[in-house]
Amino acid sequence: MRPSGRTTGPATRWEIARPSRTSPLPGVDMAGFRIDEPASLRAIPHPAVTVAFEFAGRSFDIDAEGSPGSMRSAAIAAGLAFGAFQVRAGGVECVQIRLSPPVALSVLGLPLAELRDNVIPLDDLWGRDAPRLRDRLHHARTWHERFALIEAELSRRLSAGTTADPEVAWTWRQIVASRGKTQVGDLAARTGWSRQRLWSRFAAQFGLSPKRAAMLVRFDHAVHRLVDGHAPARVAAEGGYADQSHLHHDIRAFAGTTPSLAEAEPWLTADERAWPEPR
């Protein structure tokens, strides 16, 4: 039985909506959020490309590490390797979409290496299609209608978009299936490619190396186990880390904070409801 985890904090006051069925589009997951009070939250890296639409007439104010100033946009795309960043809003009504890298490659219409660790306005990628979709989301009456609108747009883009090399997509699936514990050095031989070619193509299409991808997947699994209340020593031992200090190093590298503070991050504590999956 899984520990019950932490149930207090801002995330418990949010309205969180989930689609009533699994998306027919593999590699796509969605959740809806309504936060009535002003919010200042940190977005934590996740092994997916993140797209978010605010449809209530407000905008996200984004403070990304290393950026000279804030970015304001009502629809954003965050690369697979983004660093933790601060999001401020006077309240939120949004649909957030998580895209596996092979799907994101088609949906966003550019190699993820061009997005890399950046957070950019989706209008820069989709042009006028982004505000049109926001307007339709605003006028939709239910979360069900909003999720259907998103699915229709993604389906259209998937059918016309670029596809990942099968070897690159397979490598990603192996990394995810092993929760980041696979020996990435062995994956090239199993694809029939040289290590150099796989590393180069993977980085060009997804924006990070297979090794970094494995670190990200391993971190995501580990930090959610900490949120669920598992002991750090056990998480480190079962998560493929050399020791507890190795786990702490990776959490600081990806989340920009200590493990104890990461456990209370609202976006992480909300994941149990917003993105339920076995951990």
Protein backbone atom coordinates (compact mmCIF):
# COMPACT_ATOMS: atom_id res chain seq x y z
CA MET A 1 0.00 0.00 0.00
CA ARG A 2 1.31 3.45 -0.85
CA PRO A 3 1.69 6.00 1.94
CA SER A 4 -1.09 8.54 1.97
CA GLY A 5 1.28 11.42 1.27
CA ARG A 6 0.82 15.04 2.19
CA THR A 7 -2.65 16.51 1.83
CA THR A 8 -2.23 20.06 3.15
CA GLY A 9 -1.14 23.23 1.40
CA PRO A 10 -2.33 25.41 -1.47
CA ALA A 11 -2.83 22.56 -3.95
CA THR A 12 -5.62 21.07 -1.82
CA ARG A 13 -7.71 24.19 -2.50
CA TRP A 14 -7.38 24.01 -6.26
CA GLU A 15 -10.05 22.67 -8.57
CA ILE A 16 -8.35 19.99 -10.64
CA ALA A 17 -10.13 18.31 -13.54
CA ARG A 18 -9.16 15.15 -15.37
CA PRO A 19 -10.52 13.81 -18.69
CA SER A 20 -13.16 11.14 -18.15
CA ARG A 21 -11.26 8.72 -20.40
CA THR A 22 -7.72 8.04 -21.50
CA SER A 23 -6.69 10.20 -24.42
CA PRO A 24 -6.87 8.38 -27.77
CA LEU A 25 -3.61 10.14 -28.62
CA PRO A 26 -0.67 8.14 -27.20
CA GLY A 27 1.84 10.30 -25.39
CA VAL A 28 -0.72 13.00 -24.51
CA ASP A 29 -2.05 13.73 -21.02
CA MET A 30 -4.12 16.68 -19.85
CA ALA A 31 -5.42 18.27 -16.68
CA GLY A 32 -7.47 21.36 -15.95
CA PHE A 33 -6.71 23.77 -13.11
CA ARG A 34 -8.75 26.51 -11.49
CA ILE A 35 -7.05 28.57 -8.77
CA ASP A 36 -9.20 31.42 -7.51
CA GLU A 37 -6.62 33.30 -5.46
CA PRO A 38 -3.43 34.99 -6.72
CA ALA A 39 -0.72 32.38 -7.12
CA SER A 40 3.06 32.40 -7.20
CA LEU A 41 4.31 28.91 -7.89
CA ARG A 42 7.44 27.17 -9.07
CA ALA A 43 7.18 24.89 -12.09
CA ILE A 44 9.32 21.80 -11.58
CA PRO A 45 10.91 19.88 -14.51
CA HIS A 46 9.03 16.80 -15.67
CA PRO A 47 9.89 14.21 -18.35
CA ALA A 48 7.45 15.68 -20.84
CA VAL A 49 7.13 18.83 -22.89
CA THR A 50 4.62 21.11 -21.18
CA VAL A 51 2.02 23.26 -22.92
CA ALA A 52 -0.43 25.41 -20.97
CA PHE A 53 -3.38 27.57 -22.04
CA GLU A 54 -4.84 30.20 -19.69
CA PHE A 55 -8.34 30.90 -21.03
CA ALA A 56 -9.90 33.30 -18.49
CA GLY A 57 -8.38 36.46 -19.92
CA ARG A 58 -5.31 36.46 -17.68
CA SER A 59 -1.66 35.76 -18.43
CA PHE A 60 1.18 33.86 -16.83
CA ASP A 61 4.13 35.94 -15.63
CA ILE A 62 7.20 33.74 -16.00
CA ASP A 63 10.54 34.29 -14.30
CA ALA A 64 12.93 31.73 -15.74
CA GLU A 65 16.41 31.23 -14.34
CA GLY A 66 19.00 33.04 -16.39
CA SER A 67 16.44 35.27 -18.12
CA PRO A 68 16.96 39.05 -17.83
CA GLY A 69 13.28 39.73 -17.07
CA SER A 70 9.79 38.34 -16.89
CA MET A 71 7.83 36.94 -19.81
CA ARG A 72 4.06 37.37 -19.97
CA SER A 73 1.89 35.07 -22.05
CA ALA A 74 -1.50 33.34 -21.89
CA ALA A 75 -0.16 30.21 -23.59
CA ILE A 76 3.30 28.76 -23.08
CA ALA A 77 5.46 25.84 -24.16
CA ALA A 78 8.27 24.58 -21.92
CA GLY A 79 11.01 22.35 -23.28
CA LEU A 80 11.80 18.90 -21.98
CA ALA A 81 14.89 20.11 -20.14
CA PHE A 82 13.54 23.34 -18.65
CA GLY A 83 14.88 24.50 -15.33
CA ALA A 84 12.55 25.26 -12.43
CA PHE A 85 10.87 28.61 -12.98
CA GLN A 86 8.47 30.89 -11.13
CA VAL A 87 4.91 31.39 -12.39
CA ARG A 88 2.75 34.23 -11.11
CA ALA A 89 -0.88 34.92 -11.90
CA GLY A 90 -3.81 36.75 -10.34
CA GLY A 91 -5.74 33.49 -10.50
CA VAL A 92 -5.65 30.65 -12.98
CA GLU A 93 -8.05 28.82 -15.26
CA CYS A 94 -5.97 26.73 -17.58
CA VAL A 95 -5.54 23.45 -19.38
CA GLN A 96 -2.08 21.97 -19.02
CA ILE A 97 -0.88 19.36 -21.50
CA ARG A 98 2.03 16.98 -21.10
CA LEU A 99 3.46 15.67 -24.34
CA SER A 100 5.96 12.85 -24.70
CA PRO A 101 8.94 14.05 -26.77
CA PRO A 102 8.01 12.08 -29.93
CA VAL A 103 4.53 13.63 -29.84
CA ALA A 104 5.82 17.11 -28.99
CA LEU A 105 8.13 16.99 -31.99
CA SER A 106 5.05 16.76 -34.22
CA VAL A 107 2.70 18.99 -32.25
CA LEU A 108 5.06 21.94 -31.82
CA GLY A 109 6.40 21.76 -35.35
CA LEU A 110 10.08 22.09 -34.54
CA PRO A 111 12.94 19.93 -33.21
CA LEU A 112 12.93 20.15 -29.44
CA ALA A 113 16.60 21.11 -29.55
CA GLU A 114 15.37 24.54 -30.69
CA LEU A 115 13.17 24.75 -27.60
CA ARG A 116 15.70 23.10 -25.25
CA ASP A 117 15.37 24.43 -21.70
CA ASN A 118 13.39 27.51 -22.68
CA VAL A 119 9.86 28.64 -21.87
CA ILE A 120 8.36 30.49 -24.82
CA PRO A 121 4.96 31.93 -25.81
CA LEU A 122 3.04 29.35 -27.81
CA ASP A 123 1.96 32.14 -30.16
CA ASP A 124 5.55 32.17 -31.43
CA LEU A 125 5.09 28.58 -32.62
CA TRP A 126 1.43 28.37 -33.59
CA GLY A 127 0.79 31.96 -34.68
CA ARG A 128 -2.87 32.93 -34.71
CA ASP A 129 -3.98 29.35 -33.98
CA ALA A 130 -3.01 29.80 -30.32
CA PRO A 131 -5.30 32.78 -29.54
CA ARG A 132 -8.10 31.17 -31.57
CA LEU A 133 -7.90 28.05 -29.43
CA ARG A 134 -7.77 30.10 -26.22
CA ASP A 135 -10.94 31.88 -27.28
CA ARG A 136 -12.72 28.58 -27.92
CA LEU A 137 -11.56 27.26 -24.55
CA HIS A 138 -12.90 30.41 -22.90
CA HIS A 139 -16.36 29.92 -24.41
CA ALA A 140 -16.52 26.17 -23.70
CA ARG A 141 -18.92 25.41 -20.87
CA THR A 142 -17.28 22.32 -19.35
CA TRP A 143 -13.88 20.77 -18.84
CA HIS A 144 -15.02 17.91 -21.06
CA GLU A 145 -15.56 20.34 -23.94
CA ARG A 146 -12.17 21.95 -23.34
CA PHE A 147 -10.34 18.64 -23.35
CA ALA A 148 -12.12 17.70 -26.60
CA LEU A 149 -11.00 20.98 -28.20
CA ILE A 150 -7.39 20.31 -27.21
CA GLU A 151 -7.55 16.75 -28.53
CA ALA A 152 -8.89 17.93 -31.88
CA GLU A 153 -6.11 20.51 -32.26
CA LEU A 154 -3.39 18.08 -31.27
CA SER A 155 -4.75 15.38 -33.56
CA ARG A 156 -4.68 17.77 -36.50
CA ARG A 157 -1.10 18.75 -35.79
CA LEU A 158 0.05 15.18 -35.22
CA SER A 159 -1.21 14.08 -38.60
CA ALA A 160 0.77 16.81 -40.35
CA GLY A 161 3.84 17.03 -38.15
CA THR A 162 7.40 15.73 -38.21
CA THR A 163 8.02 12.29 -36.73
CA ALA A 164 10.94 11.19 -34.60
CA ASP A 165 13.37 8.58 -35.84
CA PRO A 166 12.06 5.15 -34.72
CA GLU A 167 15.39 4.48 -32.99
CA VAL A 168 15.18 7.75 -31.06
CA ALA A 169 11.55 7.17 -30.04
CA TRP A 170 12.40 3.59 -28.95
CA THR A 171 15.30 4.85 -26.83
CA TRP A 172 12.99 7.30 -25.06
CA ARG A 173 10.46 4.54 -24.34
CA GLN A 174 13.20 2.33 -22.85
CA ILE A 175 14.37 5.14 -20.58
CA VAL A 176 10.81 5.80 -19.34
CA ALA A 177 9.98 2.11 -18.90
CA SER A 178 13.05 1.61 -16.70
CA ARG A 179 12.27 4.79 -14.72
CA GLY A 180 15.64 6.14 -15.75
CA LYS A 181 17.63 3.17 -14.49
CA THR A 182 18.53 1.63 -17.86
CA GLN A 183 22.17 1.60 -18.90
CA VAL A 184 21.94 4.21 -21.63
CA GLY A 185 25.32 3.17 -23.02
CA ASP A 186 23.79 -0.16 -24.07
CA LEU A 187 20.87 1.36 -25.96
CA ALA A 188 22.84 2.32 -29.08
CA ALA A 189 23.91 -1.26 -29.73
CA ARG A 190 20.32 -2.42 -29.43
CA THR A 191 19.19 0.10 -32.05
CA GLY A 192 21.93 -0.90 -34.48
CA TRP A 193 23.32 2.64 -34.45
CA SER A 194 26.68 3.86 -33.21
CA ARG A 195 26.65 5.58 -29.83
CA GLN A 196 27.67 8.86 -31.43
CA ARG A 197 24.85 8.75 -33.95
CA LEU A 198 22.18 7.91 -31.36
CA TRP A 199 23.40 10.63 -28.97
CA SER A 200 23.48 13.18 -31.80
CA ARG A 201 20.03 12.35 -33.22
CA PHE A 202 18.43 12.08 -29.76
CA ALA A 203 19.79 15.48 -28.71
CA ALA A 204 18.83 17.11 -32.03
CA GLN A 205 15.24 15.85 -31.87
CA PHE A 206 14.52 15.95 -28.13
CA GLY A 207 16.86 18.69 -26.87
CA LEU A 208 18.92 16.70 -24.38
CA SER A 209 21.16 13.62 -24.32
CA PRO A 210 19.91 10.13 -23.44
CA LYS A 211 21.94 10.32 -20.23
CA ARG A 212 20.29 13.59 -19.21
CA ALA A 213 16.89 12.17 -20.15
CA ALA A 214 17.50 9.19 -17.86
CA MET A 215 18.50 11.53 -15.03
CA LEU A 216 15.29 13.54 -15.52
CA VAL A 217 13.05 10.45 -15.51
CA ARG A 218 14.83 9.06 -12.43
CA PHE A 219 14.51 12.40 -10.63
CA ASP A 220 10.79 12.64 -11.41
CA HIS A 221 10.05 9.21 -10.00
CA ALA A 222 12.20 9.83 -6.93
CA VAL A 223 10.83 13.25 -6.00
CA HIS A 224 7.24 12.02 -6.24
CA ARG A 225 8.06 9.12 -3.93
CA LEU A 226 9.40 11.67 -1.44
CA VAL A 227 6.16 13.66 -1.78
CA ASP A 228 4.28 10.42 -1.05
CA GLY A 229 6.18 10.11 2.23
CA HIS A 230 8.79 7.48 1.45
CA ALA A 231 12.09 7.74 3.35
CA PRO A 232 14.91 9.37 1.36
CA ALA A 233 17.31 6.49 2.03
CA ARG A 234 14.82 4.01 0.60
CA VAL A 235 14.04 6.24 -2.39
CA ALA A 236 17.74 6.54 -3.17
CA ALA A 237 18.40 2.79 -2.81
CA GLU A 238 15.43 1.74 -4.94
CA GLY A 239 15.71 4.57 -7.45
CA GLY A 240 19.09 3.75 -8.91
CA TYR A 241 21.11 6.34 -6.97
CA ALA A 242 24.57 5.62 -5.62
CA ASP A 243 23.56 6.96 -2.22
CA GLN A 244 21.34 9.51 -0.52
CA SER A 245 23.68 12.41 -1.30
CA HIS A 246 23.47 11.51 -5.00
CA LEU A 247 19.67 11.76 -4.75
CA HIS A 248 19.92 15.12 -2.99
CA HIS A 249 22.30 16.40 -5.66
CA ASP A 250 19.88 15.53 -8.48
CA ILE A 251 16.90 17.08 -6.70
CA ARG A 252 18.81 20.30 -6.23
CA ALA A 253 19.98 20.20 -9.86
CA PHE A 254 16.48 19.75 -11.31
CA ALA A 255 14.20 21.40 -8.73
CA GLY A 256 16.60 24.11 -7.58
CA THR A 257 15.85 23.39 -3.94
CA THR A 258 16.43 20.93 -1.12
CA PRO A 259 14.54 17.61 -0.91
CA SER A 260 12.56 18.76 2.15
CA LEU A 261 11.39 21.91 0.37
CA ALA A 262 10.72 20.04 -2.88
CA GLU A 263 8.34 17.72 -1.02
CA ALA A 264 6.05 20.69 -0.30
CA GLU A 265 6.06 22.28 -3.76
CA PRO A 266 2.39 22.80 -4.72
CA TRP A 267 2.79 21.62 -8.33
CA LEU A 268 4.34 18.39 -7.04
CA THR A 269 1.79 17.79 -4.28
CA ALA A 270 -1.02 18.34 -6.80
CA ASP A 271 0.32 15.66 -9.14
CA GLU A 272 -1.42 12.84 -7.26
CA ARG A 273 -4.74 14.30 -8.39
CA ALA A 274 -3.74 15.95 -11.66
CA TRP A 275 -1.56 13.21 -13.17
CA PRO A 276 -2.36 9.97 -11.33
CA GLU A 277 -0.03 7.12 -12.18
CA PRO A 278 1.80 4.34 -10.32
CA ARG A 279 5.01 5.62 -8.77
